[in-house]
C-alpha atoms as a PDB file:
ATOM      1  CA  UNK A   1      -4.054  12.635 -11.447  1.00  0.00           C
ATOM      2  CA  UNK A   2      -5.574  10.306  -8.892  1.00  0.00           C
ATOM      3  CA  UNK A   3      -3.241  11.381  -5.976  1.00  0.00           C
ATOM      4  CA  UNK A   4      -1.235  14.568  -5.719  1.00  0.00           C
ATOM      5  CA  UNK A   5       1.010  15.228  -2.671  1.00  0.00           C
ATOM      6  CA  UNK A   6       2.208  18.626  -2.417  1.00  0.00           C
ATOM      7  CA  UNK A   7       5.254  19.585  -0.218  1.00  0.00           C
ATOM      8  CA  UNK A   8       4.029  17.339   2.467  1.00  0.00           C
ATOM      9  CA  UNK A   9       5.881  17.686   5.870  1.00  0.00           C
ATOM     10  CA  UNK A  10       5.246  15.912   9.085  1.00  0.00           C
ATOM     11  CA  UNK A  11       7.316  16.511  12.294  1.00  0.00           C
ATOM     12  CA  UNK A  12       7.326  14.646  15.579  1.00  0.00           C
ATOM     13  CA  UNK A  13       8.763  17.238  18.111  1.00  0.00           C
ATOM     14  CA  UNK A  14      12.151  18.014  16.826  1.00  0.00           C
ATOM     15  CA  UNK A  15      12.188  15.077  14.423  1.00  0.00           C
ATOM     16  CA  UNK A  16      11.348  15.876  10.908  1.00  0.00           C
ATOM     17  CA  UNK A  17       9.879  12.681   9.369  1.00  0.00           C
ATOM     18  CA  UNK A  18       8.872  14.109   6.164  1.00  0.00           C
ATOM     19  CA  UNK A  19      10.408  17.244   4.691  1.00  0.00           C
ATOM     20  CA  UNK A  20       8.231  18.804   1.842  1.00  0.00           C
ATOM     21  CA  UNK A  21       7.745  15.904  -0.423  1.00  0.00           C
ATOM     22  CA  UNK A  22       5.875  16.173  -3.508  1.00  0.00           C
ATOM     23  CA  UNK A  23       4.751  13.358  -5.966  1.00  0.00           C
ATOM     24  CA  UNK A  24       1.768  12.242  -7.916  1.00  0.00           C
ATOM     25  CA  UNK A  25       0.277   8.949  -8.919  1.00  0.00           C
ATOM     26  CA  UNK A  26      -1.906   8.417 -12.020  1.00  0.00           C
ATOM     27  CA  UNK A  27      -4.800   6.180 -12.222  1.00  0.00           C
ATOM     28  CA  UNK A  28      -3.970   2.567 -12.842  1.00  0.00           C
ATOM     29  CA  UNK A  29      -0.353   2.684 -12.002  1.00  0.00           C
ATOM     30  CA  UNK A  30       1.744   0.607  -9.673  1.00  0.00           C
ATOM     31  CA  UNK A  31       4.220   3.049  -7.968  1.00  0.00           C
ATOM     32  CA  UNK A  32       6.973   1.900  -5.601  1.00  0.00           C
ATOM     33  CA  UNK A  33       8.036   3.904  -2.550  1.00  0.00           C
ATOM     34  CA  UNK A  34      11.564   2.933  -1.475  1.00  0.00           C
ATOM     35  CA  UNK A  35      14.257   4.077   0.784  1.00  0.00           C
ATOM     36  CA  UNK A  36      16.281   3.089   4.006  1.00  0.00           C
ATOM     37  CA  UNK A  37      14.556   2.479   7.336  1.00  0.00           C
ATOM     38  CA  UNK A  38      13.502   5.589   8.899  1.00  0.00           C
ATOM     39  CA  UNK A  39      13.270   7.515   5.596  1.00  0.00           C
ATOM     40  CA  UNK A  40       9.733   8.390   5.979  1.00  0.00           C
ATOM     41  CA  UNK A  41       7.734   5.773   3.976  1.00  0.00           C
ATOM     42  CA  UNK A  42       5.476   4.536   6.549  1.00  0.00           C
ATOM     43  CA  UNK A  43       4.868   7.988   7.902  1.00  0.00           C
ATOM     44  CA  UNK A  44       3.844   8.999   4.262  1.00  0.00           C
ATOM     45  CA  UNK A  45       1.275   6.361   4.354  1.00  0.00           C
ATOM     46  CA  UNK A  46       0.140   7.233   7.727  1.00  0.00           C
ATOM     47  CA  UNK A  47      -0.391  10.942   6.703  1.00  0.00           C
ATOM     48  CA  UNK A  48      -2.107  10.106   3.415  1.00  0.00           C
ATOM     49  CA  UNK A  49      -4.524   7.634   4.942  1.00  0.00           C
ATOM     50  CA  UNK A  50      -5.345  10.206   7.812  1.00  0.00           C
ATOM     51  CA  UNK A  51      -3.876   8.496  10.631  1.00  0.00           C
ATOM     52  CA  UNK A  52      -1.484  11.464  11.214  1.00  0.00           C
ATOM     53  CA  UNK A  53      -2.295  15.021  10.414  1.00  0.00           C
ATOM     54  CA  UNK A  54       0.549  16.644   8.471  1.00  0.00           C
ATOM     55  CA  UNK A  55       2.463  19.581   9.750  1.00  0.00           C
ATOM     56  CA  UNK A  56       2.087  21.275   6.368  1.00  0.00           C
ATOM     57  CA  UNK A  57       1.382  20.525   2.862  1.00  0.00           C
ATOM     58  CA  UNK A  58      -1.513  19.353   0.920  1.00  0.00           C
ATOM     59  CA  UNK A  59      -2.977  15.941  -0.283  1.00  0.00           C
ATOM     60  CA  UNK A  60      -5.377  16.030  -3.284  1.00  0.00           C
ATOM     61  CA  UNK A  61      -7.147  12.819  -4.126  1.00  0.00           C
ATOM     62  CA  UNK A  62      -9.440  12.726  -7.252  1.00  0.00           C
ATOM     63  CA  UNK A  63      -9.490  16.540  -7.199  1.00  0.00           C
ATOM     64  CA  UNK A  64     -10.720  16.796  -3.723  1.00  0.00           C
ATOM     65  CA  UNK A  65      -8.218  17.994  -0.978  1.00  0.00           C
ATOM     66  CA  UNK A  66      -8.257  15.308   1.888  1.00  0.00           C
ATOM     67  CA  UNK A  67      -5.289  16.853   3.784  1.00  0.00           C
ATOM     68  CA  UNK A  68      -6.862  16.724   7.337  1.00  0.00           C
ATOM     69  CA  UNK A  69      -9.633  14.206   6.964  1.00  0.00           C
ATOM     70  CA  UNK A  70      -9.859  11.567   9.581  1.00  0.00           C
ATOM     71  CA  UNK A  71      -8.896   8.142   8.553  1.00  0.00           C
ATOM     72  CA  UNK A  72     -12.574   6.740   8.227  1.00  0.00           C
ATOM     73  CA  UNK A  73     -13.417   9.678   5.870  1.00  0.00           C
ATOM     74  CA  UNK A  74     -10.273   8.891   3.783  1.00  0.00           C
ATOM     75  CA  UNK A  75     -11.355   5.227   3.533  1.00  0.00           C
ATOM     76  CA  UNK A  76     -14.869   6.322   2.408  1.00  0.00           C
ATOM     77  CA  UNK A  77     -13.246   8.242  -0.348  1.00  0.00           C
ATOM     78  CA  UNK A  78     -11.572   5.185  -1.705  1.00  0.00           C
ATOM     79  CA  UNK A  79      -8.009   4.874  -0.053  1.00  0.00           C
ATOM     80  CA  UNK A  80      -7.216   1.607   1.820  1.00  0.00           C
ATOM     81  CA  UNK A  81      -3.947   0.277   3.121  1.00  0.00           C
ATOM     82  CA  UNK A  82      -2.436  -2.786   4.482  1.00  0.00           C
ATOM     83  CA  UNK A  83       0.145  -3.042   7.377  1.00  0.00           C
ATOM     84  CA  UNK A  84       3.551  -4.784   7.632  1.00  0.00           C
ATOM     85  CA  UNK A  85       2.458  -6.416  10.609  1.00  0.00           C
ATOM     86  CA  UNK A  86      -0.890  -7.939   9.732  1.00  0.00           C
ATOM     87  CA  UNK A  87      -3.490  -8.162  12.443  1.00  0.00           C
ATOM     88  CA  UNK A  88      -6.618 -10.037  11.241  1.00  0.00           C
ATOM     89  CA  UNK A  89      -9.370 -10.946  13.456  1.00  0.00           C
ATOM     90  CA  UNK A  90      -7.567 -14.267  14.649  1.00  0.00           C
ATOM     91  CA  UNK A  91     -10.851 -16.003  16.033  1.00  0.00           C
ATOM     92  CA  UNK A  92     -12.931 -15.051  12.791  1.00  0.00           C
ATOM     93  CA  UNK A  93     -12.762 -17.072   9.653  1.00  0.00           C
ATOM     94  CA  UNK A  94     -11.293 -15.708   6.487  1.00  0.00           C
ATOM     95  CA  UNK A  95     -14.794 -15.076   5.170  1.00  0.00           C
ATOM     96  CA  UNK A  96     -15.736 -13.270   8.318  1.00  0.00           C
ATOM     97  CA  UNK A  97     -12.656 -11.145   8.241  1.00  0.00           C
ATOM     98  CA  UNK A  98     -13.333  -9.899   4.574  1.00  0.00           C
ATOM     99  CA  UNK A  99     -16.901  -9.504   5.313  1.00  0.00           C
ATOM    100  CA  UNK A 100     -16.057  -7.226   8.237  1.00  0.00           C
ATOM    101  CA  UNK A 101     -14.039  -5.116   5.687  1.00  0.00           C
ATOM    102  CA  UNK A 102     -17.093  -5.091   3.301  1.00  0.00           C
ATOM    103  CA  UNK A 103     -19.127  -3.300   5.733  1.00  0.00           C
ATOM    104  CA  UNK A 104     -16.861  -0.260   5.703  1.00  0.00           C
ATOM    105  CA  UNK A 105     -15.062   2.090   3.306  1.00  0.00           C
ATOM    106  CA  UNK A 106     -16.293   3.190  -0.135  1.00  0.00           C
ATOM    107  CA  UNK A 107     -19.853   1.934  -1.004  1.00  0.00           C
ATOM    108  CA  UNK A 108     -20.351  -0.360   2.039  1.00  0.00           C
ATOM    109  CA  UNK A 109     -22.464  -3.499   1.622  1.00  0.00           C
ATOM    110  CA  UNK A 110     -26.084  -2.922   2.277  1.00  0.00           C
ATOM    111  CA  UNK A 111     -26.788  -6.227   3.699  1.00  0.00           C
ATOM    112  CA  UNK A 112     -25.164  -9.292   5.247  1.00  0.00           C
ATOM    113  CA  UNK A 113     -25.815 -11.304   2.138  1.00  0.00           C
ATOM    114  CA  UNK A 114     -24.286  -8.868  -0.088  1.00  0.00           C
ATOM    115  CA  UNK A 115     -21.239  -8.494   2.134  1.00  0.00           C
ATOM    116  CA  UNK A 116     -20.824 -12.391   2.123  1.00  0.00           C
ATOM    117  CA  UNK A 117     -21.264 -12.761  -1.589  1.00  0.00           C
ATOM    118  CA  UNK A 118     -18.749 -10.034  -2.436  1.00  0.00           C
ATOM    119  CA  UNK A 119     -16.270 -11.393   0.372  1.00  0.00           C
ATOM    120  CA  UNK A 120     -16.420 -15.036  -1.540  1.00  0.00           C
ATOM    121  CA  UNK A 121     -15.575 -13.102  -4.904  1.00  0.00           C
ATOM    122  CA  UNK A 122     -12.590 -11.368  -3.155  1.00  0.00           C
ATOM    123  CA  UNK A 123     -11.425 -14.614  -1.462  1.00  0.00           C
ATOM    124  CA  UNK A 124     -11.352 -16.278  -4.893  1.00  0.00           C
ATOM    125  CA  UNK A 125      -9.521 -13.390  -6.359  1.00  0.00           C
ATOM    126  CA  UNK A 126      -6.885 -13.513  -3.699  1.00  0.00           C
ATOM    127  CA  UNK A 127      -6.507 -17.341  -3.868  1.00  0.00           C
ATOM    128  CA  UNK A 128      -8.129 -17.988  -0.404  1.00  0.00           C
ATOM    129  CA  UNK A 129     -11.529 -19.436  -1.458  1.00  0.00           C
ATOM    130  CA  UNK A 130     -10.639 -22.957  -0.419  1.00  0.00           C
ATOM    131  CA  UNK A 131      -9.556 -21.572   3.026  1.00  0.00           C
ATOM    132  CA  UNK A 132     -12.708 -19.278   3.561  1.00  0.00           C
ATOM    133  CA  UNK A 133     -13.781 -21.529   6.549  1.00  0.00           C
ATOM    134  CA  UNK A 134     -10.566 -21.353   8.368  1.00  0.00           C
ATOM    135  CA  UNK A 135     -10.001 -19.136  11.173  1.00  0.00           C
ATOM    136  CA  UNK A 136      -7.353 -16.520  10.676  1.00  0.00           C
ATOM    137  CA  UNK A 137      -5.054 -17.876  13.379  1.00  0.00           C
ATOM    138  CA  UNK A 138      -4.758 -21.201  11.338  1.00  0.00           C
ATOM    139  CA  UNK A 139      -3.419 -19.398   8.103  1.00  0.00           C
ATOM    140  CA  UNK A 140       0.232 -19.327   7.122  1.00  0.00           C
ATOM    141  CA  UNK A 141       2.059 -15.881   6.896  1.00  0.00           C
ATOM    142  CA  UNK A 142       1.606 -15.667   3.318  1.00  0.00           C
ATOM    143  CA  UNK A 143      -2.230 -16.354   3.425  1.00  0.00           C
ATOM    144  CA  UNK A 144      -2.390 -13.877   6.370  1.00  0.00           C
ATOM    145  CA  UNK A 145      -0.982 -11.276   4.147  1.00  0.00           C
ATOM    146  CA  UNK A 146      -3.430 -12.214   1.413  1.00  0.00           C
ATOM    147  CA  UNK A 147      -6.300 -12.012   3.854  1.00  0.00           C
ATOM    148  CA  UNK A 148      -4.995  -8.488   4.787  1.00  0.00           C
ATOM    149  CA  UNK A 149      -5.058  -7.511   1.157  1.00  0.00           C
ATOM    150  CA  UNK A 150      -8.666  -9.049   0.908  1.00  0.00           C
ATOM    151  CA  UNK A 151      -9.957  -6.939   3.759  1.00  0.00           C
ATOM    152  CA  UNK A 152      -8.372  -3.789   2.280  1.00  0.00           C
ATOM    153  CA  UNK A 153      -9.964  -4.741  -1.361  1.00  0.00           C
ATOM    154  CA  UNK A 154     -13.299  -5.223   0.473  1.00  0.00           C
ATOM    155  CA  UNK A 155     -13.421  -1.567   1.212  1.00  0.00           C
ATOM    156  CA  UNK A 156     -13.486  -1.022  -2.595  1.00  0.00           C
ATOM    157  CA  UNK A 157     -10.610   1.313  -2.859  1.00  0.00           C
ATOM    158  CA  UNK A 158      -9.510   3.371  -5.878  1.00  0.00           C
ATOM    159  CA  UNK A 159      -5.961   3.541  -4.267  1.00  0.00           C
ATOM    160  CA  UNK A 160      -4.355   0.872  -2.380  1.00  0.00           C
ATOM    161  CA  UNK A 161      -1.288   1.419  -0.204  1.00  0.00           C
ATOM    162  CA  UNK A 162       0.724  -1.779   0.489  1.00  0.00           C
ATOM    163  CA  UNK A 163       3.225  -1.685   3.368  1.00  0.00           C
ATOM    164  CA  UNK A 164       5.867  -4.263   2.887  1.00  0.00           C
ATOM    165  CA  UNK A 165       3.427  -6.830   1.560  1.00  0.00           C
ATOM    166  CA  UNK A 166       6.218  -9.148   0.540  1.00  0.00           C
ATOM    167  CA  UNK A 167       8.273  -9.017   3.862  1.00  0.00           C
ATOM    168  CA  UNK A 168       8.972 -12.469   5.403  1.00  0.00           C
ATOM    169  CA  UNK A 169       8.085 -14.296   2.281  1.00  0.00           C
ATOM    170  CA  UNK A 170       9.903 -17.145   0.553  1.00  0.00           C
ATOM    171  CA  UNK A 171      11.270 -16.304  -2.949  1.00  0.00           C
ATOM    172  CA  UNK A 172       8.384 -18.354  -4.563  1.00  0.00           C
ATOM    173  CA  UNK A 173       5.759 -16.488  -2.308  1.00  0.00           C
ATOM    174  CA  UNK A 174       7.464 -13.134  -3.400  1.00  0.00           C
ATOM    175  CA  UNK A 175       6.623 -14.173  -7.139  1.00  0.00           C
ATOM    176  CA  UNK A 176       3.117 -15.020  -6.169  1.00  0.00           C
ATOM    177  CA  UNK A 177       2.772 -11.919  -4.443  1.00  0.00           C
ATOM    178  CA  UNK A 178       4.045  -9.844  -7.328  1.00  0.00           C
ATOM    179  CA  UNK A 179       1.495 -11.612  -9.637  1.00  0.00           C
ATOM    180  CA  UNK A 180      -1.271 -10.707  -7.328  1.00  0.00           C
ATOM    181  CA  UNK A 181      -0.423  -7.123  -7.229  1.00  0.00           C
ATOM    182  CA  UNK A 182      -0.106  -6.824 -10.912  1.00  0.00           C
ATOM    183  CA  UNK A 183      -3.708  -8.494 -11.101  1.00  0.00           C
ATOM    184  CA  UNK A 184      -5.061  -5.590  -8.978  1.00  0.00           C
ATOM    185  CA  UNK A 185      -5.034  -3.388 -12.204  1.00  0.00           C
ATOM    186  CA  UNK A 186      -7.765  -5.673 -13.493  1.00  0.00           C
ATOM    187  CA  UNK A 187      -9.918  -4.451 -10.435  1.00  0.00           C
ATOM    188  CA  UNK A 188      -9.300  -0.881 -11.303  1.00  0.00           C
ATOM    189  CA  UNK A 189      -7.155  -0.457  -8.260  1.00  0.00           C
ATOM    190  CA  UNK A 190      -4.218   1.912  -8.337  1.00  0.00           C
ATOM    191  CA  UNK A 191      -1.273   0.839  -6.006  1.00  0.00           C
ATOM    192  CA  UNK A 192       1.521   2.377  -3.960  1.00  0.00           C
ATOM    193  CA  UNK A 193       4.032  -0.278  -2.766  1.00  0.00           C
ATOM    194  CA  UNK A 194       6.510   0.217  -0.015  1.00  0.00           C
ATOM    195  CA  UNK A 195       9.014  -2.560  -0.169  1.00  0.00           C
ATOM    196  CA  UNK A 196      12.493  -3.460   0.675  1.00  0.00           C
ATOM    197  CA  UNK A 197      12.740  -6.179  -1.799  1.00  0.00           C
ATOM    198  CA  UNK A 198      14.326  -3.892  -4.563  1.00  0.00           C
ATOM    199  CA  UNK A 199      14.334  -6.175  -7.221  1.00  0.00           C
ATOM    200  CA  UNK A 200      10.598  -6.901  -7.004  1.00  0.00           C
ATOM    201  CA  UNK A 201       9.888  -3.141  -6.987  1.00  0.00           C
ATOM    202  CA  UNK A 202      11.907  -2.553  -9.943  1.00  0.00           C
ATOM    203  CA  UNK A 203      10.291  -5.478 -11.753  1.00  0.00           C
ATOM    204  CA  UNK A 204       6.599  -4.644 -10.673  1.00  0.00           C
ATOM    205  CA  UNK A 205       6.320  -0.892 -10.613  1.00  0.00           C
ATOM    206  CA  UNK A 206       5.693   1.724 -13.434  1.00  0.00           C
ATOM    207  CA  UNK A 207       7.549   4.322 -11.449  1.00  0.00           C
ATOM    208  CA  UNK A 208       9.580   4.609  -8.260  1.00  0.00           C
ATOM    209  CA  UNK A 209       9.793   7.174  -5.549  1.00  0.00           C
ATOM    210  CA  UNK A 210      12.873   7.286  -3.270  1.00  0.00           C
ATOM    211  CA  UNK A 211      12.970   8.907   0.181  1.00  0.00           C
ATOM    212  CA  UNK A 212      16.025   9.407   2.391  1.00  0.00           C
ATOM    213  CA  UNK A 213      15.837  11.045   5.824  1.00  0.00           C
ATOM    214  CA  UNK A 214      12.378  12.423   5.097  1.00  0.00           C
ATOM    215  CA  UNK A 215      13.246  14.004   1.719  1.00  0.00           C
ATOM    216  CA  UNK A 216      12.468  12.787  -1.852  1.00  0.00           C
ATOM    217  CA  UNK A 217      15.930  12.164  -3.486  1.00  0.00           C
ATOM    218  CA  UNK A 218      14.746  10.798  -6.676  1.00  0.00           C
ATOM    219  CA  UNK A 219      11.575   9.742  -8.753  1.00  0.00           C
ATOM    220  CA  UNK A 220      11.406   8.256 -12.066  1.00  0.00           C
ATOM    221  CA  UNK A 221      10.970   4.935 -14.057  1.00  0.00           C
ATOM    222  CA  UNK A 222      12.785   1.809 -12.524  1.00  0.00           C
ATOM    223  CA  UNK A 223      15.519   1.820 -15.024  1.00  0.00           C
ATOM    224  CA  UNK A 224      16.564   5.426 -14.173  1.00  0.00           C
ATOM    225  CA  UNK A 225      16.142   4.661 -10.399  1.00  0.00           C
ATOM    226  CA  UNK A 226      18.447   1.760 -10.552  1.00  0.00           C
ATOM    227  CA  UNK A 227      21.313   3.724 -12.065  1.00  0.00           C
ATOM    228  CA  UNK A 228      20.640   6.878 -10.145  1.00  0.00           C
ATOM    229  CA  UNK A 229      23.949   7.777  -8.310  1.00  0.00           C
ATOM    230  CA  UNK A 230      22.229   9.369  -5.263  1.00  0.00           C
ATOM    231  CA  UNK A 231      19.944   6.352  -4.886  1.00  0.00           C
ATOM    232  CA  UNK A 232      22.805   3.951  -5.239  1.00  0.00           C
ATOM    233  CA  UNK A 233      24.775   6.007  -2.514  1.00  0.00           C
ATOM    234  CA  UNK A 234      21.779   6.368  -0.092  1.00  0.00           C
ATOM    235  CA  UNK A 235      20.215   2.991  -0.546  1.00  0.00           C
ATOM    236  CA  UNK A 236      20.739   0.509  -3.353  1.00  0.00           C
ATOM    237  CA  UNK A 237      24.439  -0.026  -2.761  1.00  0.00           C
ATOM    238  CA  UNK A 238      27.327  -0.600  -5.226  1.00  0.00           C
ATOM    239  CA  UNK A 239      25.723  -3.598  -6.685  1.00  0.00           C
ATOM    240  CA  UNK A 240      23.461  -1.390  -8.706  1.00  0.00           C
ATOM    241  CA  UNK A 241      26.334   1.013  -9.855  1.00  0.00           C
ATOM    242  CA  UNK A 242      26.328  -0.616 -13.277  1.00  0.00           C
ATOM    243  CA  UNK A 243      22.676  -0.450 -13.545  1.00  0.00           C
END
């Protein structure tokens, strides 16, 4: 397994944000992580990426325990993430933003020339090559999200965590985002997606993990998750009751 999360717990004072969750992700998968607001999804991302230390439990990545490594050490080992509220360097161009990402993470670029060339390749992949000269502040929401993805990809991750990448997008933009995520497989990137657009998750992912109040209540292929009574009650609602 590429990633193994074993009985992971995180508390903030008296609040138990994660309560002993366990799951694993195989290399090459796209996995969805869903649940109501406050269920622990973003906390799980923060703990996996080293932003928060866990209260207990283990995180194993490529056979190495990374449970208490700081965020920069986690990035060096090949885990990157995006954020729901994207924060590019607004006064830098799209190209400069991705170049900045290329100087960090796993196998950083050895020179500015190398960083520039690989940044151009990444911008082409994410569909921003024709806007590489624009400052980030001039980009649309969708393009800023693409740029956020590009900066994450610039760190050469083996595992990419996408936090509500499709939030705020139009239906057409959601379809484009889904195609882009699917294409990440061709780059050898494994993906975990936190997303509230349930239909997108069910159509996109190989497997789905469902959290509620900090606990894992279900895990399995989309067809099982969409008809799971506990998931319907806690999150999906009656419209999914017939599968």
